[in-house]
Amino acid sequence: MTVVVDGPEDLDRRAVLAVAHGAPVRLTDALLGRLAAGRRTALAALADGPDVYGVTTGMGALSDTRLDAAEQADHSRRLMLARAVGGPPYLSRTETRALLAVRLRMFLAGDAAVSAGLCSWLVTLLDHDALPDVPRTGSGAAGEILPLAHAWGHLAGVGRPLDTGGAEPPRLGPKEGIALLAGVPTATALAALRGTDLDRLVAQTTVVAAAGIVLLGASRDPYLPAVARGDAELAAVLAGLGEYVGPLAEPRHLQAPVSVRVAGPVLAHLRREEARLGDVVDRALAAVADSPAYLSTEDGERFVGTPSFHGLDHAAGFDAARAAVVHAAAVGAARLHRLLDPAVTGLPAQLSADPGPQAGLTPVHKRAVAVVHEVAGWPATHVSPMETSNGQEDVQTFALEAAERLRLALEAAETVLACELLALHQARLLAPERMGAARGDLSLLLDQVSEVLPAGIEDRPWGEDVERLRELLRSGWAQRPSSP
């Protein structure tokens, strides 16, 4: 459905996600009229002759250099040239559409004082799916100037031509160049999308953990509602596990391995980090996102330098989420290891069809361990800041680097889940009677796993199975409809 926008609040987080996944946007005539009026007011203020950073002056260490009239006229275009220093890998289609939607949302607040024509151009790009190549890493600036120079390079006549069905891009006017480069719209867009990825991870990990509890015959004590006292998130995830896990009078062992017992706290923490990223996005969409921003102050309306480029909220959110995801993946790898242990499961060693002559699934566990190791390490915000722009930029948050590390951690967690699912499938084939305690649609969900895998329990190239299961996970397996 078309996202109809009559004010900035109409492009909220839910709408940004809809646009990211292909929904078109329409700006009302009333909104375009208000944008045009605001633009005229800001241009009149510029005509009074104040020095405005990046508009009548150079940028960075050259901010004391005043531009003459001819230089100012071409300044917005030239801002996109030397700063386009990035390269592949680029943002995906969904990520780039989210960036365009966030940039548009920030312009609609009026602080950037850009033209209605520029806002309409962003809608045109979305309508035609004409998406620029935006580097996902390599942003060593205090903000996002480097990747954003790529995003808007086509407005300066550089970069890959975009197919907009013959529509001509607007000529950038005063203030519009620096407005396009301001703030942290890329980090905001990625935070919105990674939040949905966390939602999927929670839903799928819940099913995988529940299946393991059933197949292992683990004690249900750690999942009782009474355990969640004082923790609403834990209560919610335990209720989710309870939808799949029935009671068990006689567990196989008094206590299951720690990796099985802590499923609730691990999932609860993921949910908290998902909510945190959502709050980051909501704050960013409502915040002053431009510098200099045309704001009403106690001294009247004027251009104000702001710290809106400093994406610490985003970087800290990405890093905290990454830590939670890496921990969840490590716990998953440990659960997988326990599934291969006959002392825990009572099943053939390594879930092998013929232990000894056949290896079973120990190589699958090795893959899970490797991908967890690849994403473990220091968070991006702990990297020492370095001076750039001749000292004008003497600290960075590395928000986009933090976002990339989170994305890679989510990919690793997906691989671990696929490896676990393969082991659970094998255990189910070896002991189908254990699924009698399953509740809800747990058996149905595991049937869907079986449908994408070859028949039999004999050794085979397990990596092909893991990739089939990763595709199943990416299709939204076990995920229920949710909202931001």
Protein backbone atom coordinates (compact mmCIF):
# COMPACT_ATOMS: atom_id res chain seq x y z
CA MET A 1 0.00 0.00 0.00
CA THR A 2 1.10 3.55 -0.73
CA VAL A 3 2.46 5.48 2.25
CA VAL A 4 0.65 8.82 2.12
CA VAL A 5 2.64 11.53 3.88
CA ASP A 6 1.08 14.80 5.02
CA GLY A 7 3.66 15.47 7.74
CA PRO A 8 6.96 14.08 8.96
CA GLU A 9 5.24 11.98 11.62
CA ASP A 10 3.60 9.93 8.85
CA LEU A 11 7.02 8.51 7.95
CA ASP A 12 7.49 6.76 11.28
CA ARG A 13 9.45 3.58 11.85
CA ARG A 14 6.69 1.33 10.61
CA ALA A 15 6.31 3.40 7.42
CA VAL A 16 10.08 3.48 6.83
CA LEU A 17 10.14 -0.32 7.00
CA ALA A 18 7.21 -0.55 4.60
CA VAL A 19 9.02 1.71 2.12
CA ALA A 20 12.22 -0.30 2.57
CA HIS A 21 10.35 -3.41 1.45
CA GLY A 22 8.85 -1.75 -1.61
CA ALA A 23 5.90 0.42 -0.62
CA PRO A 24 5.57 3.61 -2.71
CA VAL A 25 5.33 7.08 -1.14
CA ARG A 26 3.09 10.03 -1.95
CA LEU A 27 3.59 13.51 -0.52
CA THR A 28 0.40 15.57 -0.23
CA ASP A 29 0.10 18.92 -1.97
CA ALA A 30 -0.38 20.60 1.40
CA LEU A 31 2.91 19.21 2.65
CA LEU A 32 4.74 20.30 -0.50
CA GLY A 33 3.29 23.77 -0.06
CA ARG A 34 4.57 24.00 3.51
CA LEU A 35 8.01 22.81 2.43
CA ALA A 36 8.12 25.46 -0.30
CA ALA A 37 7.15 28.19 2.17
CA GLY A 38 9.84 27.08 4.62
CA ARG A 39 12.40 27.07 1.84
CA ARG A 40 11.55 30.66 0.89
CA THR A 41 11.95 31.78 4.51
CA ALA A 42 15.35 30.10 4.84
CA LEU A 43 16.60 31.56 1.54
CA ALA A 44 15.54 35.03 2.71
CA ALA A 45 17.58 34.50 5.87
CA LEU A 46 20.59 33.50 3.77
CA ALA A 47 20.17 36.61 1.64
CA ASP A 48 20.75 38.75 4.73
CA GLY A 49 24.41 37.70 4.51
CA PRO A 50 25.23 35.58 7.57
CA ASP A 51 28.12 33.13 7.44
CA VAL A 52 26.60 29.66 7.37
CA TYR A 53 28.88 26.64 7.63
CA GLY A 54 29.07 24.62 4.44
CA VAL A 55 26.82 27.09 2.60
CA THR A 56 28.74 30.35 2.46
CA THR A 57 31.99 28.77 3.71
CA GLY A 58 34.12 25.72 3.12
CA MET A 59 33.84 22.67 5.37
CA GLY A 60 36.00 21.04 8.00
CA ALA A 61 39.30 22.81 8.51
CA LEU A 62 38.30 25.15 5.63
CA SER A 63 35.25 26.54 7.45
CA ASP A 64 36.99 29.89 7.87
CA THR A 65 37.27 30.23 4.08
CA ARG A 66 34.40 32.35 2.79
CA LEU A 67 33.01 31.53 -0.63
CA ASP A 68 32.19 34.23 -3.15
CA ALA A 69 28.84 34.31 -4.96
CA ALA A 70 30.01 32.16 -7.87
CA GLU A 71 31.54 29.56 -5.53
CA GLN A 72 28.40 29.45 -3.41
CA ALA A 73 26.24 28.82 -6.45
CA ASP A 74 28.14 25.63 -7.28
CA HIS A 75 29.01 24.58 -3.75
CA SER A 76 26.16 22.10 -3.20
CA ARG A 77 27.20 20.15 -6.28
CA ARG A 78 30.90 20.20 -5.51
CA LEU A 79 30.35 18.83 -2.00
CA MET A 80 29.55 15.45 -3.57
CA LEU A 81 32.76 15.11 -5.57
CA ALA A 82 35.93 14.61 -3.51
CA ARG A 83 34.03 13.02 -0.63
CA ALA A 84 32.88 10.06 -2.74
CA VAL A 85 35.87 7.93 -1.76
CA GLY A 86 34.09 4.64 -0.98
CA GLY A 87 33.47 1.46 -2.92
CA PRO A 88 31.89 -1.96 -2.63
CA PRO A 89 30.37 -3.72 -0.80
CA TYR A 90 27.26 -1.58 -1.16
CA LEU A 91 24.01 -1.47 0.78
CA SER A 92 21.32 -3.87 -0.40
CA ARG A 93 18.17 -2.73 -2.18
CA THR A 94 16.14 -2.87 1.03
CA GLU A 95 18.80 -0.98 2.99
CA THR A 96 19.11 1.73 0.33
CA ARG A 97 15.34 2.22 0.15
CA ALA A 98 15.31 2.55 3.93
CA LEU A 99 18.05 5.19 3.69
CA LEU A 100 16.03 7.19 1.14
CA ALA A 101 12.95 7.00 3.34
CA VAL A 102 14.85 8.15 6.43
CA ARG A 103 16.53 11.00 4.55
CA LEU A 104 13.12 12.11 3.30
CA ARG A 105 11.64 11.90 6.80
CA MET A 106 14.38 14.12 8.17
CA PHE A 107 13.90 16.68 5.38
CA LEU A 108 10.17 16.88 6.02
CA ALA A 109 10.79 18.27 9.51
CA GLY A 110 11.90 21.53 7.85
CA ASP A 111 15.20 21.92 9.71
CA ALA A 112 17.21 21.25 6.56
CA ALA A 113 15.32 23.98 4.65
CA VAL A 114 15.55 22.06 1.39
CA SER A 115 13.18 22.54 -1.51
CA ALA A 116 9.95 20.67 -2.12
CA GLY A 117 11.50 19.64 -5.43
CA LEU A 118 14.36 17.82 -3.71
CA CYS A 119 11.93 15.98 -1.43
CA SER A 120 9.86 15.02 -4.47
CA TRP A 121 13.02 13.74 -6.16
CA LEU A 122 13.58 11.26 -3.32
CA VAL A 123 10.05 10.01 -3.91
CA THR A 124 10.85 9.65 -7.62
CA LEU A 125 13.88 7.50 -6.81
CA LEU A 126 11.70 5.26 -4.65
CA ASP A 127 8.93 5.08 -7.26
CA HIS A 128 11.36 3.85 -9.92
CA ASP A 129 13.52 1.79 -7.57
CA ALA A 130 16.38 3.91 -8.92
CA LEU A 131 18.86 3.24 -6.16
CA PRO A 132 22.41 4.59 -5.94
CA ASP A 133 25.39 2.50 -4.85
CA VAL A 134 26.05 3.39 -1.21
CA PRO A 135 29.15 1.91 0.50
CA ARG A 136 28.28 0.05 3.68
CA THR A 137 31.71 0.52 5.29
CA GLY A 138 34.71 2.84 5.20
CA SER A 139 33.08 5.86 6.83
CA GLY A 140 35.92 7.34 8.84
CA ALA A 141 34.26 10.73 9.21
CA ALA A 142 32.52 11.95 12.35
CA GLY A 143 29.23 11.49 10.52
CA GLU A 144 28.19 9.86 7.24
CA ILE A 145 29.50 12.37 4.72
CA LEU A 146 31.49 9.78 2.75
CA PRO A 147 28.75 7.23 2.01
CA LEU A 148 26.15 9.98 1.58
CA ALA A 149 28.30 11.63 -1.08
CA HIS A 150 27.84 8.42 -3.06
CA ALA A 151 24.11 8.34 -2.37
CA TRP A 152 23.59 11.78 -3.89
CA GLY A 153 26.44 11.87 -6.39
CA HIS A 154 23.96 11.54 -9.26
CA LEU A 155 22.69 15.01 -8.34
CA ALA A 156 26.18 16.30 -9.07
CA GLY A 157 26.41 14.44 -12.36
CA VAL A 158 28.76 11.73 -11.12
CA GLY A 159 28.39 8.04 -10.38
CA ARG A 160 26.28 5.40 -12.04
CA PRO A 161 23.30 6.82 -13.99
CA LEU A 162 19.95 6.04 -12.38
CA ASP A 163 16.93 4.98 -14.40
CA THR A 164 14.12 7.29 -13.34
CA GLY A 165 11.96 6.84 -16.40
CA GLY A 166 13.16 10.06 -17.98
CA ALA A 167 12.56 12.25 -14.92
CA GLU A 168 15.27 14.90 -14.63
CA PRO A 169 16.95 15.45 -11.25
CA PRO A 170 16.64 18.90 -9.69
CA ARG A 171 19.56 21.31 -9.64
CA LEU A 172 20.88 21.59 -6.12
CA GLY A 173 20.41 25.03 -4.62
CA PRO A 174 21.96 26.81 -1.62
CA LYS A 175 22.09 24.72 1.55
CA GLU A 176 20.85 21.54 -0.17
CA GLY A 177 24.27 19.96 -0.66
CA ILE A 178 25.25 20.04 2.99
CA ALA A 179 21.73 19.00 3.98
CA LEU A 180 22.08 15.84 1.91
CA LEU A 181 25.33 15.01 3.73
CA ALA A 182 24.13 15.83 7.25
CA GLY A 183 23.08 13.60 10.12
CA VAL A 184 23.11 9.82 10.38
CA PRO A 185 20.29 8.63 8.10
CA THR A 186 22.16 5.49 7.03
CA ALA A 187 22.70 4.33 10.59
CA THR A 188 19.06 5.09 11.36
CA ALA A 189 17.87 3.06 8.38
CA LEU A 190 20.12 0.14 9.31
CA ALA A 191 18.97 0.25 12.93
CA ALA A 192 15.36 -0.08 11.79
CA LEU A 193 16.17 -3.08 9.60
CA ARG A 194 18.43 -4.81 12.10
CA GLY A 195 15.63 -4.52 14.64
CA THR A 196 13.43 -6.63 12.37
CA ASP A 197 16.29 -9.10 11.99
CA LEU A 198 16.46 -9.42 15.77
CA ASP A 199 12.72 -10.04 15.88
CA ARG A 200 13.17 -12.91 13.43
CA LEU A 201 16.13 -14.29 15.39
CA VAL A 202 14.09 -14.33 18.61
CA ALA A 203 11.15 -16.13 16.95
CA GLN A 204 13.33 -18.75 15.31
CA THR A 205 15.60 -19.31 18.30
CA THR A 206 12.50 -19.84 20.43
CA VAL A 207 11.41 -22.72 18.20
CA VAL A 208 14.90 -24.22 17.99
CA ALA A 209 15.39 -24.04 21.76
CA ALA A 210 11.95 -25.52 22.38
CA ALA A 211 12.61 -28.42 20.01
CA GLY A 212 15.87 -29.12 21.81
CA ILE A 213 14.12 -29.12 25.20
CA VAL A 214 11.58 -31.65 23.92
CA LEU A 215 14.05 -33.93 22.15
CA LEU A 216 16.50 -33.92 25.06
CA GLY A 217 13.78 -34.63 27.58
CA ALA A 218 15.04 -31.69 29.63
CA SER A 219 13.53 -30.62 32.93
CA ARG A 220 10.90 -27.93 32.47
CA ASP A 221 11.70 -26.15 35.74
CA PRO A 222 13.79 -23.31 34.16
CA TYR A 223 10.82 -22.34 31.98
CA LEU A 224 8.08 -22.11 34.61
CA PRO A 225 6.31 -18.70 34.84
CA ALA A 226 7.40 -18.36 38.48
CA VAL A 227 11.03 -18.12 37.34
CA ALA A 228 10.37 -14.81 35.55
CA ARG A 229 9.43 -12.74 38.61
CA GLY A 230 10.35 -9.09 38.11
CA ASP A 231 11.31 -9.50 34.44
CA ALA A 232 8.58 -8.81 31.89
CA GLU A 233 10.78 -9.76 28.94
CA LEU A 234 11.72 -13.08 30.50
CA ALA A 235 8.06 -13.78 31.27
CA ALA A 236 7.19 -13.14 27.62
CA VAL A 237 9.85 -15.46 26.20
CA LEU A 238 9.05 -18.20 28.71
CA ALA A 239 5.43 -17.97 27.65
CA GLY A 240 6.61 -18.33 24.05
CA LEU A 241 8.60 -21.43 24.92
CA GLY A 242 5.60 -22.77 26.81
CA GLU A 243 3.51 -22.64 23.65
CA TYR A 244 5.78 -25.32 22.18
CA VAL A 245 6.96 -27.30 25.23
CA GLY A 246 4.61 -29.51 27.19
CA PRO A 247 5.07 -30.81 30.74
CA LEU A 248 7.39 -33.71 31.45
CA ALA A 249 6.94 -35.85 34.55
CA GLU A 250 10.32 -37.58 34.40
CA PRO A 251 13.16 -35.61 32.76
CA ARG A 252 16.18 -37.56 31.57
CA HIS A 253 18.47 -35.71 34.02
CA LEU A 254 17.87 -33.60 37.11
CA GLN A 255 19.48 -30.67 35.32
CA ALA A 256 19.98 -30.15 31.61
CA PRO A 257 23.22 -28.55 30.34
CA VAL A 258 23.52 -24.82 31.05
CA SER A 259 23.11 -23.92 27.37
CA VAL A 260 19.64 -25.50 27.46
CA ARG A 261 18.58 -24.04 30.80
CA VAL A 262 19.49 -20.44 29.91
CA ALA A 263 17.34 -20.25 26.77
CA GLY A 264 14.94 -17.87 28.51
CA PRO A 265 17.47 -15.23 29.65
CA VAL A 266 19.27 -15.33 26.29
CA LEU A 267 16.03 -14.73 24.39
CA ALA A 268 14.92 -12.04 26.85
CA HIS A 269 18.15 -10.15 26.32
CA LEU A 270 17.73 -10.29 22.55
CA ARG A 271 14.24 -8.85 22.95
CA ARG A 272 15.61 -6.01 25.08
CA GLU A 273 18.20 -5.16 22.44
CA GLU A 274 15.53 -5.25 19.72
CA ALA A 275 13.48 -2.74 21.73
CA ARG A 276 16.57 -0.60 22.27
CA LEU A 277 17.27 -0.36 18.54
CA GLY A 278 13.63 0.57 17.97
CA ASP A 279 13.97 3.40 20.49
CA VAL A 280 17.17 4.57 18.75
CA VAL A 281 15.28 4.81 15.45
CA ASP A 282 12.30 6.61 16.98
CA ARG A 283 14.55 9.19 18.63
CA ALA A 284 16.52 9.73 15.44
CA LEU A 285 13.43 10.22 13.28
CA ALA A 286 12.11 12.89 15.65
CA ALA A 287 15.44 14.62 16.32
CA VAL A 288 17.11 17.61 14.74
CA ALA A 289 19.00 15.79 12.00
CA ASP A 290 20.69 18.63 10.16
CA SER A 291 23.70 20.87 10.69
CA PRO A 292 23.46 23.73 10.23
CA ALA A 293 19.74 23.47 10.96
CA TYR A 294 17.27 26.32 10.47
CA LEU A 295 15.64 26.45 13.90
CA SER A 296 13.51 28.69 16.08
CA THR A 297 15.65 29.75 19.03
CA GLU A 298 15.33 32.31 21.81
CA ASP A 299 17.06 34.70 19.39
CA GLY A 300 14.57 33.99 16.61
CA GLU A 301 14.84 31.78 13.56
CA ARG A 302 18.41 31.22 12.43
CA PHE A 303 20.93 28.66 11.20
CA VAL A 304 22.37 26.65 14.10
CA GLY A 305 25.33 24.29 14.13
CA THR A 306 24.35 20.98 15.77
CA PRO A 307 25.99 17.66 16.79
CA SER A 308 23.41 15.65 14.84
CA PHE A 309 26.18 13.81 12.97
CA HIS A 310 27.40 12.06 16.13
CA GLY A 311 25.65 8.68 15.96
CA LEU A 312 26.68 7.44 19.40
CA ASP A 313 23.14 6.31 20.19
CA HIS A 314 23.19 4.17 17.05
CA ALA A 315 26.71 2.82 17.50
CA ALA A 316 26.10 1.87 21.13
CA GLY A 317 22.84 0.20 20.15
CA PHE A 318 24.50 -1.79 17.38
CA ASP A 319 27.34 -2.88 19.63
CA ALA A 320 25.03 -3.93 22.46
CA ALA A 321 22.83 -5.87 20.03
CA ARG A 322 25.88 -7.52 18.48
CA ALA A 323 27.05 -8.70 21.89
CA ALA A 324 23.63 -10.22 22.54
CA VAL A 325 23.57 -11.91 19.12
CA VAL A 326 27.09 -13.31 19.45
CA HIS A 327 26.21 -14.68 22.87
CA ALA A 328 23.02 -16.25 21.52
CA ALA A 329 25.01 -17.85 18.69
CA ALA A 330 27.61 -19.18 21.14
CA VAL A 331 24.85 -20.67 23.31
CA GLY A 332 23.35 -22.22 20.18
CA ALA A 333 26.67 -23.79 19.26
CA ALA A 334 26.89 -25.21 22.79
CA ARG A 335 23.36 -26.65 22.54
CA LEU A 336 24.36 -28.26 19.26
CA HIS A 337 27.39 -29.83 20.92
CA ARG A 338 25.22 -31.33 23.65
CA LEU A 339 22.87 -32.81 21.04
CA LEU A 340 25.82 -34.88 19.79
CA ASP A 341 26.60 -36.30 23.26
CA PRO A 342 24.95 -39.67 23.97
CA ALA A 343 25.37 -39.10 27.71
CA VAL A 344 22.97 -36.17 27.38
CA THR A 345 20.63 -37.43 24.68
CA GLY A 346 20.62 -41.22 25.03
CA LEU A 347 20.87 -41.29 21.23
CA PRO A 348 23.68 -42.67 19.04
CA ALA A 349 26.97 -40.82 19.42
CA GLN A 350 27.24 -37.71 17.21
CA LEU A 351 23.69 -38.45 15.99
CA SER A 352 25.31 -40.86 13.57
CA ALA A 353 23.39 -43.50 11.65
CA ASP A 354 26.27 -45.88 12.39
CA PRO A 355 28.77 -44.47 14.92
CA GLY A 356 32.32 -45.22 13.86
CA PRO A 357 31.92 -46.02 10.19
CA GLN A 358 29.90 -42.80 9.83
CA ALA A 359 30.85 -39.44 11.31
CA GLY A 360 27.42 -38.04 11.98
CA LEU A 361 27.12 -34.33 12.69
CA THR A 362 30.36 -33.42 14.49
CA PRO A 363 31.58 -31.59 11.36
CA VAL A 364 28.42 -29.48 11.49
CA HIS A 365 29.31 -28.43 15.03
CA LYS A 366 32.77 -27.43 13.86
CA ARG A 367 31.22 -25.10 11.30
CA ALA A 368 29.01 -23.51 13.97
CA VAL A 369 32.03 -22.94 16.23
CA ALA A 370 33.95 -21.33 13.37
CA VAL A 371 31.28 -18.80 12.47
CA VAL A 372 30.89 -17.76 16.11
CA HIS A 373 34.64 -17.24 16.34
CA GLU A 374 34.60 -15.06 13.23
CA VAL A 375 32.21 -12.50 14.74
CA ALA A 376 33.56 -12.45 18.29
CA GLY A 377 35.79 -9.51 19.16
CA TRP A 378 35.86 -5.88 20.20
CA PRO A 379 32.81 -3.68 19.60
CA ALA A 380 33.22 -0.93 17.02
CA THR A 381 32.75 1.88 19.56
CA HIS A 382 35.83 0.71 21.48
CA VAL A 383 38.10 1.57 18.55
CA SER A 384 40.37 4.49 19.41
CA PRO A 385 39.27 7.73 17.71
CA MET A 386 41.63 9.25 15.19
CA GLU A 387 41.91 12.83 13.98
CA THR A 388 40.76 13.55 10.44
CA SER A 389 39.98 16.73 8.48
CA ASN A 390 43.20 18.28 9.80
CA GLY A 391 41.96 17.97 13.37
CA GLN A 392 38.43 19.31 12.83
CA GLU A 393 37.15 15.77 13.28
CA ASP A 394 38.96 14.39 16.29
CA VAL A 395 36.49 11.70 17.38
CA GLN A 396 34.19 9.25 15.61
CA THR A 397 31.53 6.77 16.67
CA PHE A 398 32.00 4.36 13.75
CA ALA A 399 28.25 3.74 13.72
CA LEU A 400 28.24 2.21 10.25
CA GLU A 401 31.09 -0.11 11.14
CA ALA A 402 29.11 -1.14 14.25
CA ALA A 403 26.08 -1.76 12.04
CA GLU A 404 28.13 -3.96 9.74
CA ARG A 405 29.48 -6.00 12.64
CA LEU A 406 25.94 -6.55 13.85
CA ARG A 407 24.86 -7.68 10.37
CA LEU A 408 27.70 -10.19 10.23
CA ALA A 409 26.85 -11.43 13.72
CA LEU A 410 23.25 -11.95 12.65
CA GLU A 411 24.46 -13.96 9.65
CA ALA A 412 26.58 -16.09 11.96
CA ALA A 413 23.63 -16.65 14.30
CA GLU A 414 21.55 -17.71 11.30
CA THR A 415 24.18 -20.28 10.34
CA VAL A 416 24.30 -21.65 13.89
CA LEU A 417 20.51 -21.94 13.91
CA ALA A 418 20.66 -23.84 10.62
CA CYS A 419 23.25 -26.21 12.08
CA GLU A 420 21.09 -26.74 15.17
CA LEU A 421 18.03 -27.39 13.04
CA LEU A 422 19.92 -30.04 11.11
CA ALA A 423 20.90 -31.79 14.34
CA LEU A 424 17.35 -31.54 15.69
CA HIS A 425 16.03 -33.02 12.47
CA GLN A 426 18.47 -35.92 12.76
CA ALA A 427 17.57 -36.49 16.43
CA ARG A 428 13.89 -36.45 15.56
CA LEU A 429 14.42 -39.14 12.94
CA LEU A 430 16.39 -41.25 15.43
CA ALA A 431 13.82 -40.87 18.23
CA PRO A 432 10.45 -39.78 16.79
CA GLU A 433 8.59 -40.86 19.93
CA ARG A 434 10.13 -37.99 21.91
CA MET A 435 8.07 -35.42 20.04
CA GLY A 436 5.00 -36.59 21.98
CA ALA A 437 5.53 -33.77 24.50
CA ALA A 438 5.50 -31.07 21.81
CA ARG A 439 2.76 -28.45 21.89
CA GLY A 440 1.23 -26.09 19.37
CA ASP A 441 2.72 -26.16 15.90
CA LEU A 442 6.22 -27.28 16.93
CA SER A 443 5.87 -30.59 15.09
CA LEU A 444 4.48 -28.80 12.04
CA LEU A 445 7.45 -26.41 12.00
CA LEU A 446 9.86 -29.33 12.18
CA ASP A 447 7.95 -30.98 9.35
CA GLN A 448 8.76 -27.89 7.26
CA VAL A 449 12.42 -28.47 8.06
CA SER A 450 12.13 -32.06 6.86
CA GLU A 451 10.55 -30.94 3.59
CA VAL A 452 13.68 -29.04 2.50
CA LEU A 453 16.14 -31.80 3.43
CA PRO A 454 16.97 -35.09 1.72
CA ALA A 455 15.50 -38.24 3.21
CA GLY A 456 17.59 -40.50 5.42
CA ILE A 457 20.13 -40.20 8.21
CA GLU A 458 23.22 -41.45 6.41
CA ASP A 459 26.34 -39.29 6.10
CA ARG A 460 26.19 -36.84 3.21
CA PRO A 461 27.65 -33.39 2.40
CA TRP A 462 25.98 -31.71 5.38
CA GLY A 463 26.97 -28.25 4.19
CA GLU A 464 24.37 -28.46 1.43
CA ASP A 465 21.73 -29.14 4.09
CA VAL A 466 22.91 -26.17 6.15
CA GLU A 467 22.49 -23.88 3.15
CA ARG A 468 18.99 -25.22 2.48
CA LEU A 469 18.09 -24.46 6.09
CA ARG A 470 19.57 -20.97 5.92
CA GLU A 471 17.26 -20.28 2.99
CA LEU A 472 14.34 -21.58 5.03
CA LEU A 473 15.24 -19.25 7.90
CA ARG A 474 15.53 -16.27 5.55
CA SER A 475 12.08 -17.02 4.16
CA GLY A 476 10.63 -16.21 7.60
CA TRP A 477 10.24 -19.74 8.94
CA ALA A 478 8.62 -19.72 12.40
CA GLN A 479 8.25 -15.95 12.39
CA ARG A 480 4.90 -14.48 13.29
CA PRO A 481 3.64 -11.05 12.19
CA SER A 482 4.97 -8.30 14.44
CA SER A 483 5.03 -4.53 14.59
CA PRO A 484 7.71 -1.97 15.52
